[in-house]
Amino acid sequence: MPTEQPSVPSPESPTQRPRPSAEETFKHYGVLSLIGAAFLAWFIRDGWFNDDPKMLEHLAFNRWGSLVVGLVLAFFLVMCGSAGLTLLRQRKQKTPPPS
């Protein structure tokens, strides 16, 4: 009896999106890093430098939010830096060596 092999989807399959290039990844995570930095600045200002005693619940939310957004921002910066290094490596390989 012949065994059936699972079919491997072809790269031209309409269900699979193409892998983004390093430049697209750098731009995407660069924009997300800027937005995340703005949110982090807001959470830090509102949670750690706000002295209003009536806003205790809001202070706790903003302090936890600053920690979460800080971790997410660190991920965005690592992805952006990795894509940036890949771009630099690709550009260095394309330039001909000096003669």
N, C-alpha and C. Protein backbone atom coordinates (compact mmCIF):
# COMPACT_ATOMS: atom_id res chain seq x y z
N MET A 1 0.81 -1.17 0.00
CA MET A 1 0.00 0.00 0.00
C MET A 1 0.87 1.25 0.00
N PRO A 2 0.57 2.15 -0.89
CA PRO A 2 1.35 3.39 -0.90
C PRO A 2 0.88 4.32 0.22
N THR A 3 1.84 4.93 0.85
CA THR A 3 1.49 5.91 1.90
C THR A 3 1.39 7.29 1.27
N GLU A 4 0.44 8.03 1.75
CA GLU A 4 0.25 9.37 1.20
C GLU A 4 1.16 10.35 1.92
N GLN A 5 1.86 11.12 1.16
CA GLN A 5 2.74 12.15 1.70
C GLN A 5 1.92 13.43 1.89
N PRO A 6 2.12 14.14 2.98
CA PRO A 6 1.40 15.40 3.14
C PRO A 6 1.89 16.41 2.11
N SER A 7 0.96 17.15 1.57
CA SER A 7 1.34 18.12 0.55
C SER A 7 1.93 19.35 1.23
N VAL A 8 3.01 19.83 0.67
CA VAL A 8 3.68 21.02 1.17
C VAL A 8 3.16 22.21 0.37
N PRO A 9 2.66 23.25 1.05
CA PRO A 9 2.15 24.39 0.29
C PRO A 9 3.28 25.08 -0.47
N SER A 10 2.98 25.47 -1.68
CA SER A 10 3.98 26.14 -2.50
C SER A 10 4.14 27.59 -2.04
N PRO A 11 5.31 28.20 -2.31
CA PRO A 11 5.51 29.59 -1.89
C PRO A 11 4.54 30.56 -2.57
N GLU A 12 3.99 30.17 -3.71
CA GLU A 12 3.06 31.04 -4.42
C GLU A 12 1.63 30.87 -3.93
N SER A 13 1.46 30.10 -2.86
CA SER A 13 0.13 29.84 -2.34
C SER A 13 -0.54 31.15 -1.90
N PRO A 14 -1.83 31.33 -2.22
CA PRO A 14 -2.48 32.58 -1.83
C PRO A 14 -2.74 32.68 -0.33
N THR A 15 -2.63 31.58 0.40
CA THR A 15 -2.88 31.63 1.84
C THR A 15 -1.68 32.13 2.61
N GLN A 16 -0.49 32.06 2.05
CA GLN A 16 0.71 32.48 2.75
C GLN A 16 1.13 33.87 2.27
N ARG A 17 1.41 34.73 3.23
CA ARG A 17 1.92 36.05 2.88
C ARG A 17 3.42 35.96 2.72
N PRO A 18 3.99 36.76 1.83
CA PRO A 18 5.45 36.74 1.70
C PRO A 18 6.12 37.31 2.95
N ARG A 19 7.30 36.83 3.22
CA ARG A 19 8.03 37.31 4.39
C ARG A 19 8.46 38.76 4.15
N PRO A 20 8.27 39.64 5.15
CA PRO A 20 8.63 41.04 4.94
C PRO A 20 10.15 41.21 4.85
N SER A 21 10.57 42.18 4.08
CA SER A 21 11.99 42.44 3.93
C SER A 21 12.52 43.13 5.19
N ALA A 22 13.83 43.23 5.27
CA ALA A 22 14.44 43.87 6.43
C ALA A 22 14.07 45.35 6.49
N GLU A 23 13.95 45.98 5.33
CA GLU A 23 13.58 47.40 5.31
C GLU A 23 12.15 47.61 5.80
N GLU A 24 11.23 46.75 5.38
CA GLU A 24 9.84 46.84 5.85
C GLU A 24 9.76 46.60 7.36
N THR A 25 10.52 45.62 7.85
CA THR A 25 10.52 45.32 9.28
C THR A 25 11.10 46.49 10.06
N PHE A 26 12.17 47.09 9.55
CA PHE A 26 12.78 48.23 10.22
C PHE A 26 11.81 49.40 10.31
N LYS A 27 11.11 49.69 9.21
CA LYS A 27 10.15 50.79 9.22
C LYS A 27 8.97 50.50 10.15
N HIS A 28 8.46 49.29 10.10
CA HIS A 28 7.30 48.91 10.91
C HIS A 28 7.61 49.04 12.40
N TYR A 29 8.71 48.41 12.84
CA TYR A 29 9.04 48.45 14.25
C TYR A 29 9.60 49.81 14.66
N GLY A 30 10.13 50.59 13.72
CA GLY A 30 10.56 51.94 14.03
C GLY A 30 9.37 52.83 14.38
N VAL A 31 8.31 52.72 13.58
CA VAL A 31 7.10 53.50 13.87
C VAL A 31 6.48 53.04 15.19
N LEU A 32 6.40 51.74 15.39
CA LEU A 32 5.85 51.23 16.65
C LEU A 32 6.70 51.66 17.85
N SER A 33 8.01 51.77 17.66
CA SER A 33 8.87 52.23 18.75
C SER A 33 8.58 53.68 19.11
N LEU A 34 8.35 54.51 18.11
CA LEU A 34 8.02 55.92 18.39
C LEU A 34 6.69 56.03 19.13
N ILE A 35 5.69 55.27 18.67
CA ILE A 35 4.39 55.30 19.34
C ILE A 35 4.52 54.76 20.77
N GLY A 36 5.26 53.67 20.93
CA GLY A 36 5.47 53.09 22.26
C GLY A 36 6.22 54.04 23.19
N ALA A 37 7.19 54.79 22.65
CA ALA A 37 7.93 55.75 23.47
C ALA A 37 7.01 56.87 23.95
N ALA A 38 6.10 57.30 23.07
CA ALA A 38 5.15 58.34 23.47
C ALA A 38 4.23 57.83 24.59
N PHE A 39 3.72 56.61 24.45
CA PHE A 39 2.88 56.04 25.50
C PHE A 39 3.67 55.85 26.80
N LEU A 40 4.91 55.42 26.69
CA LEU A 40 5.72 55.22 27.88
C LEU A 40 5.95 56.54 28.60
N ALA A 41 6.24 57.59 27.85
CA ALA A 41 6.43 58.91 28.46
C ALA A 41 5.15 59.35 29.17
N TRP A 42 4.01 59.10 28.54
CA TRP A 42 2.74 59.48 29.17
C TRP A 42 2.50 58.69 30.47
N PHE A 43 2.69 57.38 30.41
CA PHE A 43 2.47 56.56 31.60
C PHE A 43 3.43 56.94 32.73
N ILE A 44 4.68 57.19 32.40
CA ILE A 44 5.66 57.55 33.44
C ILE A 44 5.30 58.90 34.05
N ARG A 45 4.97 59.88 33.21
CA ARG A 45 4.63 61.20 33.73
C ARG A 45 3.39 61.14 34.60
N ASP A 46 2.38 60.44 34.13
CA ASP A 46 1.11 60.40 34.84
C ASP A 46 1.14 59.47 36.04
N GLY A 47 1.97 58.45 36.04
CA GLY A 47 1.98 57.48 37.13
C GLY A 47 3.02 57.73 38.19
N TRP A 48 4.18 58.24 37.81
CA TRP A 48 5.27 58.37 38.77
C TRP A 48 5.49 59.81 39.23
N PHE A 49 5.05 60.79 38.45
CA PHE A 49 5.29 62.19 38.81
C PHE A 49 4.01 62.94 39.14
N ASN A 50 2.91 62.23 39.30
CA ASN A 50 1.64 62.85 39.65
C ASN A 50 1.46 62.72 41.16
N ASP A 51 1.28 63.85 41.86
CA ASP A 51 1.19 63.83 43.32
C ASP A 51 -0.23 64.01 43.84
N ASP A 52 -1.23 63.82 43.01
CA ASP A 52 -2.61 64.02 43.42
C ASP A 52 -3.08 62.81 44.25
N PRO A 53 -3.40 62.98 45.54
CA PRO A 53 -3.80 61.84 46.37
C PRO A 53 -5.19 61.29 46.01
N LYS A 54 -5.99 62.03 45.26
CA LYS A 54 -7.33 61.55 44.87
C LYS A 54 -7.26 60.55 43.71
N MET A 55 -6.11 60.38 43.11
CA MET A 55 -6.01 59.57 41.91
C MET A 55 -5.24 58.28 42.15
N LEU A 56 -5.43 57.63 43.29
CA LEU A 56 -4.64 56.45 43.62
C LEU A 56 -4.87 55.30 42.65
N GLU A 57 -6.13 55.09 42.23
CA GLU A 57 -6.39 54.01 41.27
C GLU A 57 -5.72 54.30 39.93
N HIS A 58 -5.75 55.54 39.52
CA HIS A 58 -5.13 55.91 38.25
C HIS A 58 -3.62 55.81 38.33
N LEU A 59 -3.06 56.13 39.49
CA LEU A 59 -1.62 56.02 39.66
C LEU A 59 -1.16 54.58 39.51
N ALA A 60 -1.89 53.66 40.15
CA ALA A 60 -1.52 52.25 40.05
C ALA A 60 -1.62 51.75 38.61
N PHE A 61 -2.69 52.15 37.91
CA PHE A 61 -2.84 51.75 36.51
C PHE A 61 -1.69 52.27 35.67
N ASN A 62 -1.33 53.53 35.84
CA ASN A 62 -0.27 54.12 35.04
C ASN A 62 1.10 53.55 35.38
N ARG A 63 1.31 53.20 36.63
CA ARG A 63 2.59 52.60 37.00
C ARG A 63 2.73 51.20 36.40
N TRP A 64 1.67 50.41 36.49
CA TRP A 64 1.72 49.08 35.85
C TRP A 64 1.81 49.22 34.33
N GLY A 65 1.07 50.20 33.79
CA GLY A 65 1.12 50.43 32.35
C GLY A 65 2.50 50.82 31.87
N SER A 66 3.22 51.60 32.68
CA SER A 66 4.57 51.98 32.28
C SER A 66 5.50 50.77 32.25
N LEU A 67 5.30 49.84 33.16
CA LEU A 67 6.13 48.63 33.14
C LEU A 67 5.82 47.76 31.91
N VAL A 68 4.54 47.59 31.62
CA VAL A 68 4.15 46.76 30.48
C VAL A 68 4.59 47.40 29.17
N VAL A 69 4.31 48.69 29.02
CA VAL A 69 4.69 49.38 27.78
C VAL A 69 6.21 49.43 27.65
N GLY A 70 6.93 49.54 28.76
CA GLY A 70 8.39 49.50 28.71
C GLY A 70 8.92 48.18 28.18
N LEU A 71 8.31 47.09 28.62
CA LEU A 71 8.74 45.77 28.11
C LEU A 71 8.43 45.61 26.63
N VAL A 72 7.24 46.06 26.23
CA VAL A 72 6.86 45.97 24.81
C VAL A 72 7.77 46.86 23.98
N LEU A 73 8.09 48.05 24.48
CA LEU A 73 8.99 48.95 23.77
C LEU A 73 10.38 48.33 23.62
N ALA A 74 10.85 47.63 24.64
CA ALA A 74 12.14 46.95 24.54
C ALA A 74 12.12 45.92 23.42
N PHE A 75 11.02 45.18 23.28
CA PHE A 75 10.89 44.22 22.18
C PHE A 75 10.92 44.93 20.84
N PHE A 76 10.17 46.04 20.71
CA PHE A 76 10.15 46.79 19.46
C PHE A 76 11.55 47.30 19.10
N LEU A 77 12.28 47.78 20.10
CA LEU A 77 13.61 48.30 19.83
C LEU A 77 14.59 47.20 19.43
N VAL A 78 14.46 46.03 20.03
CA VAL A 78 15.32 44.90 19.64
C VAL A 78 15.02 44.49 18.20
N MET A 79 13.74 44.42 17.84
CA MET A 79 13.38 44.05 16.47
C MET A 79 13.86 45.10 15.47
N CYS A 80 13.70 46.38 15.82
CA CYS A 80 14.14 47.46 14.95
C CYS A 80 15.67 47.44 14.80
N GLY A 81 16.37 47.23 15.89
CA GLY A 81 17.83 47.16 15.83
C GLY A 81 18.32 45.98 15.03
N SER A 82 17.66 44.84 15.18
CA SER A 82 18.05 43.65 14.42
C SER A 82 17.85 43.87 12.92
N ALA A 83 16.70 44.46 12.56
CA ALA A 83 16.45 44.73 11.14
C ALA A 83 17.41 45.78 10.62
N GLY A 84 17.75 46.77 11.45
CA GLY A 84 18.71 47.79 11.03
C GLY A 84 20.09 47.21 10.79
N LEU A 85 20.52 46.30 11.66
CA LEU A 85 21.82 45.65 11.45
C LEU A 85 21.81 44.79 10.19
N THR A 86 20.69 44.14 9.93
CA THR A 86 20.58 43.35 8.70
C THR A 86 20.67 44.24 7.48
N LEU A 87 20.02 45.40 7.52
CA LEU A 87 20.11 46.35 6.41
C LEU A 87 21.55 46.83 6.20
N LEU A 88 22.24 47.15 7.29
CA LEU A 88 23.63 47.58 7.16
C LEU A 88 24.50 46.48 6.55
N ARG A 89 24.27 45.25 7.00
CA ARG A 89 25.04 44.12 6.47
C ARG A 89 24.77 43.92 4.98
N GLN A 90 23.48 44.05 4.57
CA GLN A 90 23.14 43.89 3.16
C GLN A 90 23.76 44.99 2.32
N ARG A 91 23.73 46.22 2.81
CA ARG A 91 24.31 47.34 2.05
C ARG A 91 25.83 47.22 1.95
N LYS A 92 26.45 46.70 3.00
CA LYS A 92 27.90 46.53 2.98
C LYS A 92 28.31 45.45 1.98
N GLN A 93 27.49 44.41 1.85
CA GLN A 93 27.79 43.34 0.90
C GLN A 93 27.59 43.79 -0.54
N LYS A 94 26.69 44.75 -0.77
CA LYS A 94 26.41 45.21 -2.14
C LYS A 94 27.47 46.15 -2.66
N THR A 95 28.16 46.88 -1.78
CA THR A 95 29.17 47.83 -2.24
C THR A 95 30.42 47.05 -2.66
N PRO A 96 30.98 47.43 -3.82
CA PRO A 96 32.20 46.72 -4.26
C PRO A 96 33.39 47.10 -3.39
N PRO A 97 34.32 46.19 -3.23
CA PRO A 97 35.50 46.50 -2.40
C PRO A 97 36.35 47.59 -3.09
N PRO A 98 37.03 48.42 -2.31
CA PRO A 98 37.87 49.46 -2.92
C PRO A 98 39.04 48.84 -3.65
N SER A 99 39.38 49.41 -4.80
CA SER A 99 40.48 48.84 -5.59
C SER A 99 41.76 49.59 -5.41
